[in-house]
């Protein structure tokens, strides 16, 4: 997502379905998510780990930006 973009709100109207159809759709989607996680799980975990609070550089007020590093 670009920094200047705004989220788009979409409304999806789902039709009424029989109980069996809903369960079949839910099982299908669960299987797809399981396959996706099995195949790409390492990449997904790495993505979120790289962006976790433990890996973000925190501001240290004791460091002066005017002082050169060497």
N, C-alpha and C. Protein backbone atom coordinates (compact mmCIF):
# COMPACT_ATOMS: atom_id res chain seq x y z
N UNK A 1 0.85 -1.17 0.00
CA UNK A 1 0.00 0.00 0.00
C UNK A 1 0.89 1.24 0.00
N UNK A 2 0.59 2.15 -0.84
CA UNK A 2 1.35 3.39 -0.90
C UNK A 2 1.03 4.24 0.32
N UNK A 3 2.00 5.05 0.78
CA UNK A 3 1.75 5.88 1.97
C UNK A 3 0.64 6.90 1.78
N UNK A 4 0.40 7.34 0.55
CA UNK A 4 -0.63 8.35 0.31
C UNK A 4 -1.98 7.75 -0.06
N UNK A 5 -2.07 6.43 -0.07
CA UNK A 5 -3.34 5.80 -0.44
C UNK A 5 -4.27 5.69 0.75
N UNK A 6 -5.53 5.62 0.46
CA UNK A 6 -6.55 5.48 1.51
C UNK A 6 -7.19 4.11 1.39
N UNK A 7 -7.58 3.53 2.51
CA UNK A 7 -8.26 2.23 2.42
C UNK A 7 -9.60 2.36 1.72
N UNK A 8 -9.96 1.33 1.01
CA UNK A 8 -11.23 1.28 0.31
C UNK A 8 -12.17 0.38 1.10
N UNK A 9 -13.35 0.87 1.40
CA UNK A 9 -14.33 0.08 2.12
C UNK A 9 -15.25 -0.57 1.09
N UNK A 10 -15.33 -1.90 1.17
CA UNK A 10 -16.17 -2.63 0.24
C UNK A 10 -17.20 -3.43 1.03
N UNK A 11 -18.40 -3.46 0.53
CA UNK A 11 -19.45 -4.27 1.14
C UNK A 11 -19.74 -5.43 0.19
N UNK A 12 -19.65 -6.62 0.73
CA UNK A 12 -19.94 -7.81 -0.06
C UNK A 12 -21.24 -8.40 0.45
N UNK A 13 -22.20 -8.48 -0.43
CA UNK A 13 -23.49 -9.05 -0.06
C UNK A 13 -23.47 -10.53 -0.42
N UNK A 14 -23.50 -11.37 0.60
CA UNK A 14 -23.47 -12.81 0.39
C UNK A 14 -24.89 -13.35 0.35
N UNK A 15 -25.13 -14.25 -0.58
CA UNK A 15 -26.49 -14.81 -0.68
C UNK A 15 -26.74 -15.83 0.42
N UNK A 16 -27.96 -16.07 0.76
CA UNK A 16 -28.25 -17.13 1.71
C UNK A 16 -27.86 -18.47 1.09
N UNK A 17 -27.28 -19.35 1.91
CA UNK A 17 -26.85 -20.67 1.44
C UNK A 17 -27.33 -21.74 2.40
N UNK A 18 -27.43 -22.94 1.89
CA UNK A 18 -27.77 -24.08 2.74
C UNK A 18 -26.62 -24.35 3.70
N UNK A 19 -26.94 -24.93 4.84
CA UNK A 19 -25.92 -25.23 5.85
C UNK A 19 -24.78 -26.05 5.27
N UNK A 20 -25.10 -27.06 4.50
CA UNK A 20 -24.07 -27.92 3.92
C UNK A 20 -23.14 -27.14 2.98
N UNK A 21 -23.68 -26.23 2.20
CA UNK A 21 -22.87 -25.42 1.29
C UNK A 21 -21.92 -24.53 2.07
N UNK A 22 -22.41 -23.93 3.14
CA UNK A 22 -21.56 -23.05 3.96
C UNK A 22 -20.41 -23.84 4.57
N UNK A 23 -20.71 -25.04 5.05
CA UNK A 23 -19.66 -25.88 5.65
C UNK A 23 -18.64 -26.28 4.59
N UNK A 24 -19.08 -26.62 3.39
CA UNK A 24 -18.16 -26.99 2.31
C UNK A 24 -17.25 -25.82 1.94
N UNK A 25 -17.80 -24.64 1.85
CA UNK A 25 -17.00 -23.45 1.54
C UNK A 25 -15.99 -23.19 2.65
N UNK A 26 -16.43 -23.30 3.88
CA UNK A 26 -15.53 -23.08 5.02
C UNK A 26 -14.40 -24.11 5.02
N UNK A 27 -14.70 -25.36 4.75
CA UNK A 27 -13.68 -26.40 4.69
C UNK A 27 -12.68 -26.14 3.57
N UNK A 28 -13.18 -25.71 2.42
CA UNK A 28 -12.32 -25.39 1.29
C UNK A 28 -11.36 -24.25 1.64
N UNK A 29 -11.90 -23.19 2.21
CA UNK A 29 -11.05 -22.04 2.57
C UNK A 29 -10.04 -22.42 3.65
N UNK A 30 -10.44 -23.23 4.60
CA UNK A 30 -9.51 -23.69 5.64
C UNK A 30 -8.37 -24.50 5.03
N UNK A 31 -8.70 -25.35 4.08
CA UNK A 31 -7.67 -26.17 3.41
C UNK A 31 -6.71 -25.29 2.61
N UNK A 32 -7.25 -24.30 1.91
CA UNK A 32 -6.39 -23.37 1.16
C UNK A 32 -5.45 -22.64 2.11
N UNK A 33 -5.96 -22.14 3.24
CA UNK A 33 -5.10 -21.44 4.20
C UNK A 33 -4.04 -22.38 4.78
N UNK A 34 -4.41 -23.62 5.03
CA UNK A 34 -3.44 -24.59 5.54
C UNK A 34 -2.33 -24.84 4.52
N UNK A 35 -2.70 -25.02 3.24
CA UNK A 35 -1.70 -25.22 2.20
C UNK A 35 -0.80 -24.01 2.04
N UNK A 36 -1.38 -22.83 2.09
CA UNK A 36 -0.61 -21.59 1.98
C UNK A 36 0.39 -21.48 3.13
N UNK A 37 -0.08 -21.77 4.34
CA UNK A 37 0.79 -21.70 5.51
C UNK A 37 1.88 -22.76 5.44
N UNK A 38 1.56 -23.95 4.98
CA UNK A 38 2.55 -25.03 4.87
C UNK A 38 3.65 -24.67 3.87
N UNK A 39 3.26 -24.05 2.79
CA UNK A 39 4.22 -23.72 1.73
C UNK A 39 4.99 -22.42 2.01
N UNK A 40 4.30 -21.40 2.48
CA UNK A 40 4.90 -20.08 2.65
C UNK A 40 5.07 -19.67 4.11
N UNK A 41 4.85 -20.60 5.04
CA UNK A 41 4.88 -20.26 6.46
C UNK A 41 6.16 -19.59 6.91
N UNK A 42 7.31 -20.08 6.43
CA UNK A 42 8.59 -19.47 6.81
C UNK A 42 8.69 -18.03 6.37
N UNK A 43 8.25 -17.74 5.15
CA UNK A 43 8.29 -16.37 4.66
C UNK A 43 7.33 -15.47 5.43
N UNK A 44 6.15 -16.00 5.74
CA UNK A 44 5.17 -15.22 6.49
C UNK A 44 5.71 -14.89 7.87
N UNK A 45 6.27 -15.90 8.52
CA UNK A 45 6.84 -15.68 9.86
C UNK A 45 7.97 -14.66 9.80
N UNK A 46 8.86 -14.78 8.80
CA UNK A 46 9.98 -13.85 8.66
C UNK A 46 9.48 -12.42 8.44
N UNK A 47 8.45 -12.26 7.62
CA UNK A 47 7.89 -10.94 7.36
C UNK A 47 7.46 -10.26 8.65
N UNK A 48 6.68 -10.98 9.47
CA UNK A 48 6.19 -10.39 10.71
C UNK A 48 7.28 -10.25 11.75
N UNK A 49 8.23 -11.17 11.77
CA UNK A 49 9.34 -11.08 12.72
C UNK A 49 10.19 -9.85 12.44
N UNK A 50 10.43 -9.56 11.16
CA UNK A 50 11.22 -8.38 10.79
C UNK A 50 10.53 -7.09 11.21
N UNK A 51 9.22 -7.12 11.33
CA UNK A 51 8.48 -5.91 11.68
C UNK A 51 8.00 -5.88 13.13
N UNK A 52 8.45 -6.85 13.91
CA UNK A 52 8.02 -6.90 15.31
C UNK A 52 8.68 -5.79 16.12
N UNK A 53 8.09 -5.45 17.24
CA UNK A 53 8.59 -4.37 18.10
C UNK A 53 10.00 -4.66 18.59
N UNK A 54 10.35 -5.95 18.74
CA UNK A 54 11.69 -6.30 19.22
C UNK A 54 12.77 -5.99 18.19
N UNK A 55 12.41 -5.86 16.93
CA UNK A 55 13.39 -5.62 15.87
C UNK A 55 13.38 -4.19 15.35
N UNK A 56 12.60 -3.33 15.95
CA UNK A 56 12.55 -1.94 15.52
C UNK A 56 13.51 -1.14 16.36
N UNK A 57 14.31 -0.30 15.71
CA UNK A 57 15.27 0.53 16.42
C UNK A 57 14.50 1.59 17.21
N UNK A 58 14.76 1.63 18.50
CA UNK A 58 14.08 2.59 19.37
C UNK A 58 14.91 3.87 19.50
N UNK A 59 14.23 4.96 19.70
CA UNK A 59 14.89 6.25 19.90
C UNK A 59 15.62 6.24 21.24
N UNK A 60 16.87 6.66 21.22
CA UNK A 60 17.67 6.75 22.44
C UNK A 60 18.01 8.22 22.66
N UNK A 61 17.42 8.88 23.65
CA UNK A 61 17.65 10.31 23.85
C UNK A 61 19.08 10.63 24.26
N UNK A 62 19.85 9.64 24.73
CA UNK A 62 21.24 9.89 25.15
C UNK A 62 22.18 10.01 23.96
N UNK A 63 21.75 9.59 22.78
CA UNK A 63 22.60 9.70 21.60
C UNK A 63 22.32 11.04 20.95
N UNK A 64 23.38 11.81 20.74
CA UNK A 64 23.21 13.08 20.04
C UNK A 64 23.50 12.88 18.57
N UNK A 65 22.66 13.41 17.74
CA UNK A 65 22.83 13.27 16.30
C UNK A 65 23.91 14.17 15.74
N UNK A 66 24.32 15.18 16.53
CA UNK A 66 25.37 16.09 16.10
C UNK A 66 26.76 15.47 16.24
N UNK A 67 26.88 14.45 17.08
CA UNK A 67 28.17 13.83 17.34
C UNK A 67 28.45 12.78 16.27
N UNK A 68 29.57 12.94 15.51
CA UNK A 68 29.86 11.95 14.47
C UNK A 68 30.16 10.59 15.10
N UNK A 69 29.90 9.49 14.39
CA UNK A 69 30.07 8.15 14.97
C UNK A 69 31.52 7.76 15.20
N UNK A 70 32.50 8.44 14.56
CA UNK A 70 33.91 8.05 14.73
C UNK A 70 34.73 9.21 15.24
